[in-house]
Amino acid sequence: MKRMKLPLVLGIVSMFTMLTACGVDDIKHEKSAHWDVSLQRSTGSYGIVYIGDESTVKDFVYNIKGPNFERWGRALAKQPTPVTESGALNPVDNKEPITFNISWNDKSESVTFE
């Protein structure tokens, strides 16, 4: 009886590990000079993080463009760094490019996920 339990437990643990790892590897990160943007296409989750040297960010505006959608967001108040923004799009499983256009402090940068 004990001999059968060990392979069964090892099998269950390995299946659980494979299932939990399946969704993790589809989170992609792209960086510009001042921003780190992440996107998980299977869930539509995204994150935008300021990684630049400035101590405050003002007039923060972002635009996300995909093949069938466009989303805007902004925070016009001056914010101390690090500035972060996150949200969810409809799941975007397709492989069409998705572009994040970000502007702040009279500057702008773009990050594209191919």
PDB file of N, CA and C in Angstrom:
ATOM      1  N   MET A   1       0.817  -1.186   0.000  1.00  0.00           N
ATOM      2  CA  MET A   1       0.000   0.000   0.000  1.00  0.00           C
ATOM      3  C   MET A   1       0.867   1.259   0.000  1.00  0.00           C
ATOM      4  N   LYS A   2       1.929   1.307   0.820  1.00  0.00           N
ATOM      5  CA  LYS A   2       2.793   2.470   0.884  1.00  0.00           C
ATOM      6  C   LYS A   2       3.516   2.685  -0.432  1.00  0.00           C
ATOM      7  N   ARG A   3       3.846   1.619  -1.132  1.00  0.00           N
ATOM      8  CA  ARG A   3       4.535   1.734  -2.415  1.00  0.00           C
ATOM      9  C   ARG A   3       3.674   2.450  -3.448  1.00  0.00           C
ATOM     10  N   MET A   4       2.386   2.285  -3.386  1.00  0.00           N
ATOM     11  CA  MET A   4       1.491   2.914  -4.354  1.00  0.00           C
ATOM     12  C   MET A   4       1.250   4.386  -4.004  1.00  0.00           C
ATOM     13  N   LYS A   5       1.326   4.759  -2.752  1.00  0.00           N
ATOM     14  CA  LYS A   5       1.056   6.137  -2.341  1.00  0.00           C
ATOM     15  C   LYS A   5       2.119   7.101  -2.847  1.00  0.00           C
ATOM     16  N   LEU A   6       3.372   6.713  -2.806  1.00  0.00           N
ATOM     17  CA  LEU A   6       4.444   7.609  -3.227  1.00  0.00           C
ATOM     18  C   LEU A   6       4.324   7.996  -4.706  1.00  0.00           C
ATOM     19  N   PRO A   7       4.158   7.047  -5.637  1.00  0.00           N
ATOM     20  CA  PRO A   7       3.989   7.457  -7.040  1.00  0.00           C
ATOM     21  C   PRO A   7       2.721   8.291  -7.263  1.00  0.00           C
ATOM     22  N   LEU A   8       1.666   7.984  -6.523  1.00  0.00           N
ATOM     23  CA  LEU A   8       0.426   8.745  -6.653  1.00  0.00           C
ATOM     24  C   LEU A   8       0.627  10.180  -6.191  1.00  0.00           C
ATOM     25  N   VAL A   9       1.282  10.372  -5.050  1.00  0.00           N
ATOM     26  CA  VAL A   9       1.552  11.708  -4.536  1.00  0.00           C
ATOM     27  C   VAL A   9       2.471  12.465  -5.487  1.00  0.00           C
ATOM     28  N   LEU A  10       3.531  11.823  -5.966  1.00  0.00           N
ATOM     29  CA  LEU A  10       4.443  12.475  -6.912  1.00  0.00           C
ATOM     30  C   LEU A  10       3.718  12.855  -8.204  1.00  0.00           C
ATOM     31  N   GLY A  11       2.838  12.023  -8.664  1.00  0.00           N
ATOM     32  CA  GLY A  11       2.071  12.330  -9.867  1.00  0.00           C
ATOM     33  C   GLY A  11       1.149  13.524  -9.678  1.00  0.00           C
ATOM     34  N   ILE A  12       0.485  13.587  -8.544  1.00  0.00           N
ATOM     35  CA  ILE A  12      -0.420  14.702  -8.266  1.00  0.00           C
ATOM     36  C   ILE A  12       0.373  16.002  -8.137  1.00  0.00           C
ATOM     37  N   VAL A  13       1.512  15.960  -7.440  1.00  0.00           N
ATOM     38  CA  VAL A  13       2.334  17.155  -7.278  1.00  0.00           C
ATOM     39  C   VAL A  13       2.853  17.643  -8.631  1.00  0.00           C
ATOM     40  N   SER A  14       3.311  16.741  -9.477  1.00  0.00           N
ATOM     41  CA  SER A  14       3.828  17.162 -10.791  1.00  0.00           C
ATOM     42  C   SER A  14       2.716  17.707 -11.678  1.00  0.00           C
ATOM     43  N   MET A  15       1.519  17.146 -11.620  1.00  0.00           N
ATOM     44  CA  MET A  15       0.401  17.684 -12.405  1.00  0.00           C
ATOM     45  C   MET A  15       0.020  19.080 -11.921  1.00  0.00           C
ATOM     46  N   PHE A  16      -0.019  19.281 -10.608  1.00  0.00           N
ATOM     47  CA  PHE A  16      -0.348  20.587 -10.050  1.00  0.00           C
ATOM     48  C   PHE A  16       0.694  21.625 -10.457  1.00  0.00           C
ATOM     49  N   THR A  17       1.958  21.247 -10.418  1.00  0.00           N
ATOM     50  CA  THR A  17       3.035  22.156 -10.810  1.00  0.00           C
ATOM     51  C   THR A  17       2.905  22.550 -12.275  1.00  0.00           C
ATOM     52  N   MET A  18       2.617  21.604 -13.148  1.00  0.00           N
ATOM     53  CA  MET A  18       2.475  21.916 -14.576  1.00  0.00           C
ATOM     54  C   MET A  18       1.274  22.814 -14.826  1.00  0.00           C
ATOM     55  N   LEU A  19       0.181  22.570 -14.143  1.00  0.00           N
ATOM     56  CA  LEU A  19      -1.019  23.380 -14.348  1.00  0.00           C
ATOM     57  C   LEU A  19      -0.828  24.810 -13.864  1.00  0.00           C
ATOM     58  N   THR A  20      -0.179  24.995 -12.732  1.00  0.00           N
ATOM     59  CA  THR A  20       0.013  26.351 -12.234  1.00  0.00           C
ATOM     60  C   THR A  20       1.049  27.111 -13.045  1.00  0.00           C
ATOM     61  N   ALA A  21       1.969  26.428 -13.665  1.00  0.00           N
ATOM     62  CA  ALA A  21       2.998  27.097 -14.458  1.00  0.00           C
ATOM     63  C   ALA A  21       2.506  27.485 -15.844  1.00  0.00           C
ATOM     64  N   CYS A  22       1.433  26.924 -16.306  1.00  0.00           N
ATOM     65  CA  CYS A  22       0.953  27.199 -17.666  1.00  0.00           C
ATOM     66  C   CYS A  22       0.627  28.664 -17.892  1.00  0.00           C
ATOM     67  N   GLY A  23      -0.015  29.341 -16.951  1.00  0.00           N
ATOM     68  CA  GLY A  23      -0.402  30.726 -17.137  1.00  0.00           C
ATOM     69  C   GLY A  23       0.684  31.736 -16.831  1.00  0.00           C
ATOM     70  N   VAL A  24       1.718  31.323 -16.133  1.00  0.00           N
ATOM     71  CA  VAL A  24       2.731  32.263 -15.690  1.00  0.00           C
ATOM     72  C   VAL A  24       3.611  32.726 -16.838  1.00  0.00           C
ATOM     73  N   ASP A  25       3.952  31.829 -17.751  1.00  0.00           N
ATOM     74  CA  ASP A  25       4.934  32.181 -18.761  1.00  0.00           C
ATOM     75  C   ASP A  25       4.381  33.071 -19.869  1.00  0.00           C
ATOM     76  N   ASP A  26       3.101  33.360 -19.892  1.00  0.00           N
ATOM     77  CA  ASP A  26       2.594  34.230 -20.949  1.00  0.00           C
ATOM     78  C   ASP A  26       2.555  35.701 -20.541  1.00  0.00           C
ATOM     79  N   ILE A  27       3.115  36.055 -19.381  1.00  0.00           N
ATOM     80  CA  ILE A  27       3.266  37.456 -18.993  1.00  0.00           C
ATOM     81  C   ILE A  27       4.538  37.980 -19.638  1.00  0.00           C
ATOM     82  N   LYS A  28       4.395  38.983 -20.485  1.00  0.00           N
ATOM     83  CA  LYS A  28       5.536  39.551 -21.202  1.00  0.00           C
ATOM     84  C   LYS A  28       5.821  40.944 -20.664  1.00  0.00           C
ATOM     85  N   HIS A  29       7.090  41.295 -20.598  1.00  0.00           N
ATOM     86  CA  HIS A  29       7.531  42.624 -20.173  1.00  0.00           C
ATOM     87  C   HIS A  29       8.279  43.283 -21.325  1.00  0.00           C
ATOM     88  N   GLU A  30       7.977  44.514 -21.575  1.00  0.00           N
ATOM     89  CA  GLU A  30       8.715  45.342 -22.534  1.00  0.00           C
ATOM     90  C   GLU A  30       9.059  46.638 -21.817  1.00  0.00           C
ATOM     91  N   LYS A  31      10.261  47.143 -22.068  1.00  0.00           N
ATOM     92  CA  LYS A  31      10.696  48.367 -21.408  1.00  0.00           C
ATOM     93  C   LYS A  31      11.058  49.431 -22.429  1.00  0.00           C
ATOM     94  N   SER A  32      10.765  50.657 -22.050  1.00  0.00           N
ATOM     95  CA  SER A  32      11.273  51.816 -22.780  1.00  0.00           C
ATOM     96  C   SER A  32      12.313  52.460 -21.857  1.00  0.00           C
ATOM     97  N   ALA A  33      12.755  53.636 -22.176  1.00  0.00           N
ATOM     98  CA  ALA A  33      13.759  54.293 -21.337  1.00  0.00           C
ATOM     99  C   ALA A  33      13.229  54.617 -19.940  1.00  0.00           C
ATOM    100  N   HIS A  34      11.908  54.860 -19.819  1.00  0.00           N
ATOM    101  CA  HIS A  34      11.348  55.300 -18.546  1.00  0.00           C
ATOM    102  C   HIS A  34      10.227  54.415 -17.997  1.00  0.00           C
ATOM    103  N   TRP A  35       9.766  53.447 -18.759  1.00  0.00           N
ATOM    104  CA  TRP A  35       8.603  52.667 -18.364  1.00  0.00           C
ATOM    105  C   TRP A  35       8.836  51.173 -18.541  1.00  0.00           C
ATOM    106  N   ASP A  36       8.272  50.394 -17.631  1.00  0.00           N
ATOM    107  CA  ASP A  36       8.245  48.934 -17.724  1.00  0.00           C
ATOM    108  C   ASP A  36       6.774  48.560 -17.860  1.00  0.00           C
ATOM    109  N   VAL A  37       6.426  47.925 -18.979  1.00  0.00           N
ATOM    110  CA  VAL A  37       5.039  47.579 -19.256  1.00  0.00           C
ATOM    111  C   VAL A  37       4.941  46.058 -19.326  1.00  0.00           C
ATOM    112  N   SER A  38       3.935  45.504 -18.659  1.00  0.00           N
ATOM    113  CA  SER A  38       3.708  44.062 -18.707  1.00  0.00           C
ATOM    114  C   SER A  38       2.331  43.792 -19.294  1.00  0.00           C
ATOM    115  N   LEU A  39       2.205  42.664 -19.970  1.00  0.00           N
ATOM    116  CA  LEU A  39       0.935  42.273 -20.582  1.00  0.00           C
ATOM    117  C   LEU A  39       0.806  40.763 -20.531  1.00  0.00           C
ATOM    118  N   GLN A  40      -0.333  40.294 -20.066  1.00  0.00           N
ATOM    119  CA  GLN A  40      -0.657  38.873 -20.107  1.00  0.00           C
ATOM    120  C   GLN A  40      -1.823  38.727 -21.069  1.00  0.00           C
ATOM    121  N   ARG A  41      -1.529  38.260 -22.268  1.00  0.00           N
ATOM    122  CA  ARG A  41      -2.554  38.199 -23.323  1.00  0.00           C
ATOM    123  C   ARG A  41      -3.722  37.295 -22.955  1.00  0.00           C
ATOM    124  N   SER A  42      -3.473  36.183 -22.271  1.00  0.00           N
ATOM    125  CA  SER A  42      -4.550  35.233 -21.993  1.00  0.00           C
ATOM    126  C   SER A  42      -5.616  35.813 -21.064  1.00  0.00           C
ATOM    127  N   THR A  43      -5.238  36.721 -20.168  1.00  0.00           N
ATOM    128  CA  THR A  43      -6.215  37.317 -19.252  1.00  0.00           C
ATOM    129  C   THR A  43      -6.517  38.769 -19.585  1.00  0.00           C
ATOM    130  N   GLY A  44      -5.647  39.404 -20.375  1.00  0.00           N
ATOM    131  CA  GLY A  44      -5.812  40.816 -20.692  1.00  0.00           C
ATOM    132  C   GLY A  44      -5.247  41.740 -19.624  1.00  0.00           C
ATOM    133  N   SER A  45      -4.612  41.197 -18.592  1.00  0.00           N
ATOM    134  CA  SER A  45      -4.051  42.020 -17.512  1.00  0.00           C
ATOM    135  C   SER A  45      -2.822  42.771 -18.001  1.00  0.00           C
ATOM    136  N   TYR A  46      -2.723  44.040 -17.594  1.00  0.00           N
ATOM    137  CA  TYR A  46      -1.552  44.829 -17.958  1.00  0.00           C
ATOM    138  C   TYR A  46      -1.109  45.655 -16.758  1.00  0.00           C
ATOM    139  N   GLY A  47       0.145  46.061 -16.790  1.00  0.00           N
ATOM    140  CA  GLY A  47       0.697  46.919 -15.760  1.00  0.00           C
ATOM    141  C   GLY A  47       1.672  47.897 -16.379  1.00  0.00           C
ATOM    142  N   ILE A  48       1.684  49.109 -15.880  1.00  0.00           N
ATOM    143  CA  ILE A  48       2.590  50.158 -16.350  1.00  0.00           C
ATOM    144  C   ILE A  48       3.303  50.711 -15.110  1.00  0.00           C
ATOM    145  N   VAL A  49       4.638  50.696 -15.116  1.00  0.00           N
ATOM    146  CA  VAL A  49       5.415  51.154 -13.967  1.00  0.00           C
ATOM    147  C   VAL A  49       6.487  52.125 -14.447  1.00  0.00           C
ATOM    148  N   TYR A  50       6.564  53.274 -13.803  1.00  0.00           N
ATOM    149  CA  TYR A  50       7.596  54.258 -14.117  1.00  0.00           C
ATOM    150  C   TYR A  50       8.919  53.801 -13.509  1.00  0.00           C
ATOM    151  N   ILE A  51       9.974  53.715 -14.330  1.00  0.00           N
ATOM    152  CA  ILE A  51      11.294  53.277 -13.857  1.00  0.00           C
ATOM    153  C   ILE A  51      12.356  54.347 -14.112  1.00  0.00           C
ATOM    154  N   GLY A  52      11.919  55.544 -14.432  1.00  0.00           N
ATOM    155  CA  GLY A  52      12.845  56.636 -14.721  1.00  0.00           C
ATOM    156  C   GLY A  52      13.412  57.272 -13.470  1.00  0.00           C
ATOM    157  N   ASP A  53      14.165  58.355 -13.671  1.00  0.00           N
ATOM    158  CA  ASP A  53      14.885  59.014 -12.578  1.00  0.00           C
ATOM    159  C   ASP A  53      14.143  60.193 -11.948  1.00  0.00           C
ATOM    160  N   GLU A  54      13.063  60.637 -12.539  1.00  0.00           N
ATOM    161  CA  GLU A  54      12.375  61.814 -12.023  1.00  0.00           C
ATOM    162  C   GLU A  54      11.656  61.492 -10.716  1.00  0.00           C
ATOM    163  N   SER A  55      11.582  62.466  -9.827  1.00  0.00           N
ATOM    164  CA  SER A  55      10.956  62.229  -8.524  1.00  0.00           C
ATOM    165  C   SER A  55       9.442  62.406  -8.555  1.00  0.00           C
ATOM    166  N   THR A  56       8.923  63.129  -9.544  1.00  0.00           N
ATOM    167  CA  THR A  56       7.476  63.290  -9.694  1.00  0.00           C
ATOM    168  C   THR A  56       7.094  63.139 -11.161  1.00  0.00           C
ATOM    169  N   VAL A  57       5.869  62.717 -11.365  1.00  0.00           N
ATOM    170  CA  VAL A  57       5.307  62.576 -12.702  1.00  0.00           C
ATOM    171  C   VAL A  57       4.016  63.375 -12.727  1.00  0.00           C
ATOM    172  N   LYS A  58       3.870  64.228 -13.721  1.00  0.00           N
ATOM    173  CA  LYS A  58       2.619  64.978 -13.863  1.00  0.00           C
ATOM    174  C   LYS A  58       2.088  64.789 -15.266  1.00  0.00           C
ATOM    175  N   ASP A  59       0.811  65.037 -15.424  1.00  0.00           N
ATOM    176  CA  ASP A  59       0.131  64.899 -16.720  1.00  0.00           C
ATOM    177  C   ASP A  59       0.366  63.525 -17.336  1.00  0.00           C
ATOM    178  N   PHE A  60       0.259  62.476 -16.522  1.00  0.00           N
ATOM    179  CA  PHE A  60       0.431  61.094 -16.974  1.00  0.00           C
ATOM    180  C   PHE A  60      -0.795  60.673 -17.780  1.00  0.00           C
ATOM    181  N   VAL A  61      -0.583  60.312 -19.038  1.00  0.00           N
ATOM    182  CA  VAL A  61      -1.658  59.861 -19.920  1.00  0.00           C
ATOM    183  C   VAL A  61      -1.163  58.639 -20.670  1.00  0.00           C
ATOM    184  N   TYR A  62      -2.007  57.616 -20.779  1.00  0.00           N
ATOM    185  CA  TYR A  62      -1.636  56.452 -21.579  1.00  0.00           C
ATOM    186  C   TYR A  62      -2.786  56.069 -22.502  1.00  0.00           C
ATOM    187  N   ASN A  63      -2.391  55.461 -23.607  1.00  0.00           N
ATOM    188  CA  ASN A  63      -3.326  55.005 -24.627  1.00  0.00           C
ATOM    189  C   ASN A  63      -2.871  53.613 -25.039  1.00  0.00           C
ATOM    190  N   ILE A  64      -3.788  52.659 -25.042  1.00  0.00           N
ATOM    191  CA  ILE A  64      -3.476  51.286 -25.447  1.00  0.00           C
ATOM    192  C   ILE A  64      -4.270  51.002 -26.711  1.00  0.00           C
ATOM    193  N   LYS A  65      -3.560  50.624 -27.783  1.00  0.00           N
ATOM    194  CA  LYS A  65      -4.214  50.333 -29.057  1.00  0.00           C
ATOM    195  C   LYS A  65      -3.938  48.896 -29.469  1.00  0.00           C
ATOM    196  N   GLY A  66      -5.016  48.198 -29.793  1.00  0.00           N
ATOM    197  CA  GLY A  66      -4.925  46.839 -30.304  1.00  0.00           C
ATOM    198  C   GLY A  66      -5.679  46.739 -31.605  1.00  0.00           C
ATOM    199  N   PRO A  67      -5.796  45.549 -32.156  1.00  0.00           N
ATOM    200  CA  PRO A  67      -6.455  45.401 -33.446  1.00  0.00           C
ATOM    201  C   PRO A  67      -7.939  45.754 -33.432  1.00  0.00           C
ATOM    202  N   ASN A  68      -8.611  45.537 -32.294  1.00  0.00           N
ATOM    203  CA  ASN A  68     -10.053  45.773 -32.222  1.00  0.00           C
ATOM    204  C   ASN A  68     -10.467  46.644 -31.044  1.00  0.00           C
ATOM    205  N   PHE A  69      -9.520  47.366 -30.454  1.00  0.00           N
ATOM    206  CA  PHE A  69      -9.870  48.164 -29.289  1.00  0.00           C
ATOM    207  C   PHE A  69      -8.891  49.315 -29.113  1.00  0.00           C
ATOM    208  N   GLU A  70      -9.312  50.268 -28.296  1.00  0.00           N
ATOM    209  CA  GLU A  70      -8.462  51.370 -27.889  1.00  0.00           C
ATOM    210  C   GLU A  70      -8.905  51.777 -26.490  1.00  0.00           C
ATOM    211  N   ARG A  71      -7.959  51.954 -25.584  1.00  0.00           N
ATOM    212  CA  ARG A  71      -8.272  52.326 -24.202  1.00  0.00           C
ATOM    213  C   ARG A  71      -7.378  53.495 -23.794  1.00  0.00           C
ATOM    214  N   TRP A  72      -7.967  54.425 -23.043  1.00  0.00           N
ATOM    215  CA  TRP A  72      -7.256  55.602 -22.543  1.00  0.00           C
ATOM    216  C   TRP A  72      -7.294  55.610 -21.029  1.00  0.00           C
ATOM    217  N   GLY A  73      -6.309  56.240 -20.437  1.00  0.00           N
ATOM    218  CA  GLY A  73      -6.303  56.452 -18.995  1.00  0.00           C
ATOM    219  C   GLY A  73      -5.423  57.643 -18.688  1.00  0.00           C
ATOM    220  N   ARG A  74      -5.662  58.278 -17.550  1.00  0.00           N
ATOM    221  CA  ARG A  74      -4.830  59.424 -17.204  1.00  0.00           C
ATOM    222  C   ARG A  74      -4.930  59.743 -15.723  1.00  0.00           C
ATOM    223  N   ALA A  75      -3.893  60.418 -15.279  1.00  0.00           N
ATOM    224  CA  ALA A  75      -3.840  60.960 -13.927  1.00  0.00           C
ATOM    225  C   ALA A  75      -3.171  62.317 -14.063  1.00  0.00           C
ATOM    226  N   LEU A  76      -3.952  63.351 -14.085  1.00  0.00           N
ATOM    227  CA  LEU A  76      -3.416  64.677 -14.359  1.00  0.00           C
ATOM    228  C   LEU A  76      -2.744  65.307 -13.145  1.00  0.00           C
ATOM    229  N   ALA A  77      -2.992  64.786 -11.962  1.00  0.00           N
ATOM    230  CA  ALA A  77      -2.345  65.338 -10.769  1.00  0.00           C
ATOM    231  C   ALA A  77      -0.876  64.932 -10.733  1.00  0.00           C
ATOM    232  N   LYS A  78      -0.073  65.740 -10.095  1.00  0.00           N
ATOM    233  CA  LYS A  78       1.345  65.419  -9.907  1.00  0.00           C
ATOM    234  C   LYS A  78       1.436  64.267  -8.912  1.00  0.00           C
ATOM    235  N   GLN A  79       2.225  63.252  -9.251  1.00  0.00           N
ATOM    236  CA  GLN A  79       2.357  62.076  -8.405  1.00  0.00           C
ATOM    237  C   GLN A  79       3.825  61.801  -8.095  1.00  0.00           C
ATOM    238  N   PRO A  80       4.133  61.417  -6.853  1.00  0.00           N
ATOM    239  CA  PRO A  80       5.513  61.013  -6.562  1.00  0.00           C
ATOM    240  C   PRO A  80       5.788  59.651  -7.201  1.00  0.00           C
ATOM    241  N   THR A  81       7.020  59.411  -7.554  1.00  0.00           N
ATOM    242  CA  THR A  81       7.372  58.121  -8.141  1.00  0.00           C
ATOM    243  C   THR A  81       7.604  57.100  -7.023  1.00  0.00           C
ATOM    244  N   PRO A  82       7.397  55.834  -7.257  1.00  0.00           N
ATOM    245  CA  PRO A  82       7.086  55.235  -8.548  1.00  0.00           C
ATOM    246  C   PRO A  82       5.599  55.357  -8.872  1.00  0.00           C
ATOM    247  N   VAL A  83       5.292  55.634 -10.106  1.00  0.00           N
ATOM    248  CA  VAL A  83       3.919  55.715 -10.593  1.00  0.00           C
ATOM    249  C   VAL A  83       3.578  54.357 -11.210  1.00  0.00           C
ATOM    250  N   THR A  84       2.438  53.812 -10.834  1.00  0.00           N
ATOM    251  CA  THR A  84       2.002  52.536 -11.390  1.00  0.00           C
ATOM    252  C   THR A  84       0.554  52.642 -11.841  1.00  0.00           C
ATOM    253  N   GLU A  85       0.232  51.885 -12.843  1.00  0.00           N
ATOM    254  CA  GLU A  85      -1.137  51.796 -13.354  1.00  0.00           C
ATOM    255  C   GLU A  85      -1.341  50.354 -13.772  1.00  0.00           C
ATOM    256  N   SER A  86      -2.520  49.818 -13.523  1.00  0.00           N
ATOM    257  CA  SER A  86      -2.816  48.461 -13.961  1.00  0.00           C
ATOM    258  C   SER A  86      -4.283  48.365 -14.308  1.00  0.00           C
ATOM    259  N   GLY A  87      -4.610  47.335 -15.033  1.00  0.00           N
ATOM    260  CA  GLY A  87      -5.991  47.124 -15.430  1.00  0.00           C
ATOM    261  C   GLY A  87      -6.111  45.857 -16.231  1.00  0.00           C
ATOM    262  N   ALA A  88      -7.246  45.705 -16.856  1.00  0.00           N
ATOM    263  CA  ALA A  88      -7.490  44.520 -17.666  1.00  0.00           C
ATOM    264  C   ALA A  88      -8.223  44.911 -18.936  1.00  0.00           C
ATOM    265  N   LEU A  89      -7.780  44.354 -20.012  1.00  0.00           N
ATOM    266  CA  LEU A  89      -8.450  44.467 -21.297  1.00  0.00           C
ATOM    267  C   LEU A  89      -9.259  43.187 -21.476  1.00  0.00           C
ATOM    268  N   ASN A  90     -10.098  43.151 -22.479  1.00  0.00           N
ATOM    269  CA  ASN A  90     -10.682  41.865 -22.812  1.00  0.00           C
ATOM    270  C   ASN A  90      -9.533  40.941 -23.167  1.00  0.00           C
ATOM    271  N   PRO A  91      -9.606  39.651 -22.830  1.00  0.00           N
ATOM    272  CA  PRO A  91      -8.483  38.770 -23.173  1.00  0.00           C
ATOM    273  C   PRO A  91      -8.088  38.926 -24.639  1.00  0.00           C
ATOM    274  N   VAL A  92      -6.791  39.045 -24.857  1.00  0.00           N
ATOM    275  CA  VAL A  92      -6.270  39.299 -26.195  1.00  0.00           C
ATOM    276  C   VAL A  92      -5.324  38.167 -26.592  1.00  0.00           C
ATOM    277  N   ASP A  93      -5.896  37.001 -26.866  1.00  0.00           N
ATOM    278  CA  ASP A  93      -5.096  35.832 -27.209  1.00  0.00           C
ATOM    279  C   ASP A  93      -4.422  35.942 -28.562  1.00  0.00           C
ATOM    280  N   ASN A  94      -4.971  36.750 -29.447  1.00  0.00           N
ATOM    281  CA  ASN A  94      -4.388  36.819 -30.786  1.00  0.00           C
ATOM    282  C   ASN A  94      -2.978  37.380 -30.723  1.00  0.00           C
ATOM    283  N   LYS A  95      -2.275  37.283 -31.787  1.00  0.00           N
ATOM    284  CA  LYS A  95      -0.877  37.729 -31.822  1.00  0.00           C
ATOM    285  C   LYS A  95      -0.720  39.062 -32.548  1.00  0.00           C
ATOM    286  N   GLU A  96      -1.781  39.832 -32.654  1.00  0.00           N
ATOM    287  CA  GLU A  96      -1.699  41.156 -33.259  1.00  0.00           C
ATOM    288  C   GLU A  96      -0.944  42.098 -32.322  1.00  0.00           C
ATOM    289  N   PRO A  97      -0.239  43.075 -32.868  1.00  0.00           N
ATOM    290  CA  PRO A  97       0.498  44.011 -32.005  1.00  0.00           C
ATOM    291  C   PRO A  97      -0.429  44.828 -31.109  1.00  0.00           C
ATOM    292  N   ILE A  98       0.037  45.081 -29.899  1.00  0.00           N
ATOM    293  CA  ILE A  98      -0.653  45.948 -28.957  1.00  0.00           C
ATOM    294  C   ILE A  98       0.353  47.008 -28.532  1.00  0.00           C
ATOM    295  N   THR A  99      -0.020  48.284 -28.698  1.00  0.00           N
ATOM    296  CA  THR A  99       0.902  49.382 -28.430  1.00  0.00           C
ATOM    297  C   THR A  99       0.415  50.215 -27.256  1.00  0.00           C
ATOM    298  N   PHE A 100       1.325  50.493 -26.334  1.00  0.00           N
ATOM    299  CA  PHE A 100       1.082  51.371 -25.200  1.00  0.00           C
ATOM    300  C   PHE A 100       1.796  52.684 -25.492  1.00  0.00           C
ATOM    301  N   ASN A 101       1.050  53.766 -25.652  1.00  0.00           N
ATOM    302  CA  ASN A 101       1.616  55.109 -25.830  1.00  0.00           C
ATOM    303  C   ASN A 101       1.475  55.835 -24.501  1.00  0.00           C
ATOM    304  N   ILE A 102       2.594  56.302 -23.954  1.00  0.00           N
ATOM    305  CA  ILE A 102       2.608  56.909 -22.631  1.00  0.00           C
ATOM    306  C   ILE A 102       3.194  58.308 -22.740  1.00  0.00           C
ATOM    307  N   SER A 103       2.533  59.279 -22.120  1.00  0.00           N
ATOM    308  CA  SER A 103       3.090  60.629 -22.063  1.00  0.00           C
ATOM    309  C   SER A 103       3.028  61.136 -20.626  1.00  0.00           C
ATOM    310  N   TRP A 104       4.009  61.973 -20.268  1.00  0.00           N
ATOM    311  CA  TRP A 104       4.140  62.536 -18.930  1.00  0.00           C
ATOM    312  C   TRP A 104       5.190  63.640 -18.988  1.00  0.00           C
ATOM    313  N   ASN A 105       5.102  64.613 -18.149  1.00  0.00           N
ATOM    314  CA  ASN A 105       6.102  65.680 -18.021  1.00  0.00           C
ATOM    315  C   ASN A 105       6.579  66.201 -19.392  1.00  0.00           C
ATOM    316  N   ASP A 106       5.669  66.390 -20.315  1.00  0.00           N
ATOM    317  CA  ASP A 106       5.976  66.864 -21.666  1.00  0.00           C
ATOM    318  C   ASP A 106       6.902  65.920 -22.439  1.00  0.00           C
ATOM    319  N   LYS A 107       6.857  64.628 -22.122  1.00  0.00           N
ATOM    320  CA  LYS A 107       7.629  63.602 -22.823  1.00  0.00           C
ATOM    321  C   LYS A 107       6.660  62.518 -23.275  1.00  0.00           C
ATOM    322  N   SER A 108       7.110  61.659 -24.190  1.00  0.00           N
ATOM    323  CA  SER A 108       6.270  60.526 -24.585  1.00  0.00           C
ATOM    324  C   SER A 108       7.152  59.378 -25.051  1.00  0.00           C
ATOM    325  N   GLU A 109       6.650  58.171 -24.840  1.00  0.00           N
ATOM    326  CA  GLU A 109       7.319  56.950 -25.276  1.00  0.00           C
ATOM    327  C   GLU A 109       6.250  55.918 -25.639  1.00  0.00           C
ATOM    328  N   SER A 110       6.648  54.947 -26.446  1.00  0.00           N
ATOM    329  CA  SER A 110       5.749  53.873 -26.845  1.00  0.00           C
ATOM    330  C   SER A 110       6.407  52.524 -26.580  1.00  0.00           C
ATOM    331  N   VAL A 111       5.571  51.562 -26.220  1.00  0.00           N
ATOM    332  CA  VAL A 111       6.015  50.184 -26.031  1.00  0.00           C
ATOM    333  C   VAL A 111       5.042  49.305 -26.812  1.00  0.00           C
ATOM    334  N   THR A 112       5.582  48.408 -27.645  1.00  0.00           N
ATOM    335  CA  THR A 112       4.725  47.541 -28.466  1.00  0.00           C
ATOM    336  C   THR A 112       4.991  46.082 -28.163  1.00  0.00           C
ATOM    337  N   PHE A 113       3.934  45.331 -27.971  1.00  0.00           N
ATOM    338  CA  PHE A 113       3.994  43.885 -27.833  1.00  0.00           C
ATOM    339  C   PHE A 113       3.623  43.277 -29.179  1.00  0.00           C
ATOM    340  N   GLU A 114       4.527  42.542 -29.754  1.00  0.00           N
ATOM    341  CA  GLU A 114       4.284  41.912 -31.069  1.00  0.00           C
ATOM    342  C   GLU A 114       3.555  40.613 -30.895  1.00  0.00           C
TER     343      GLU A 114
END
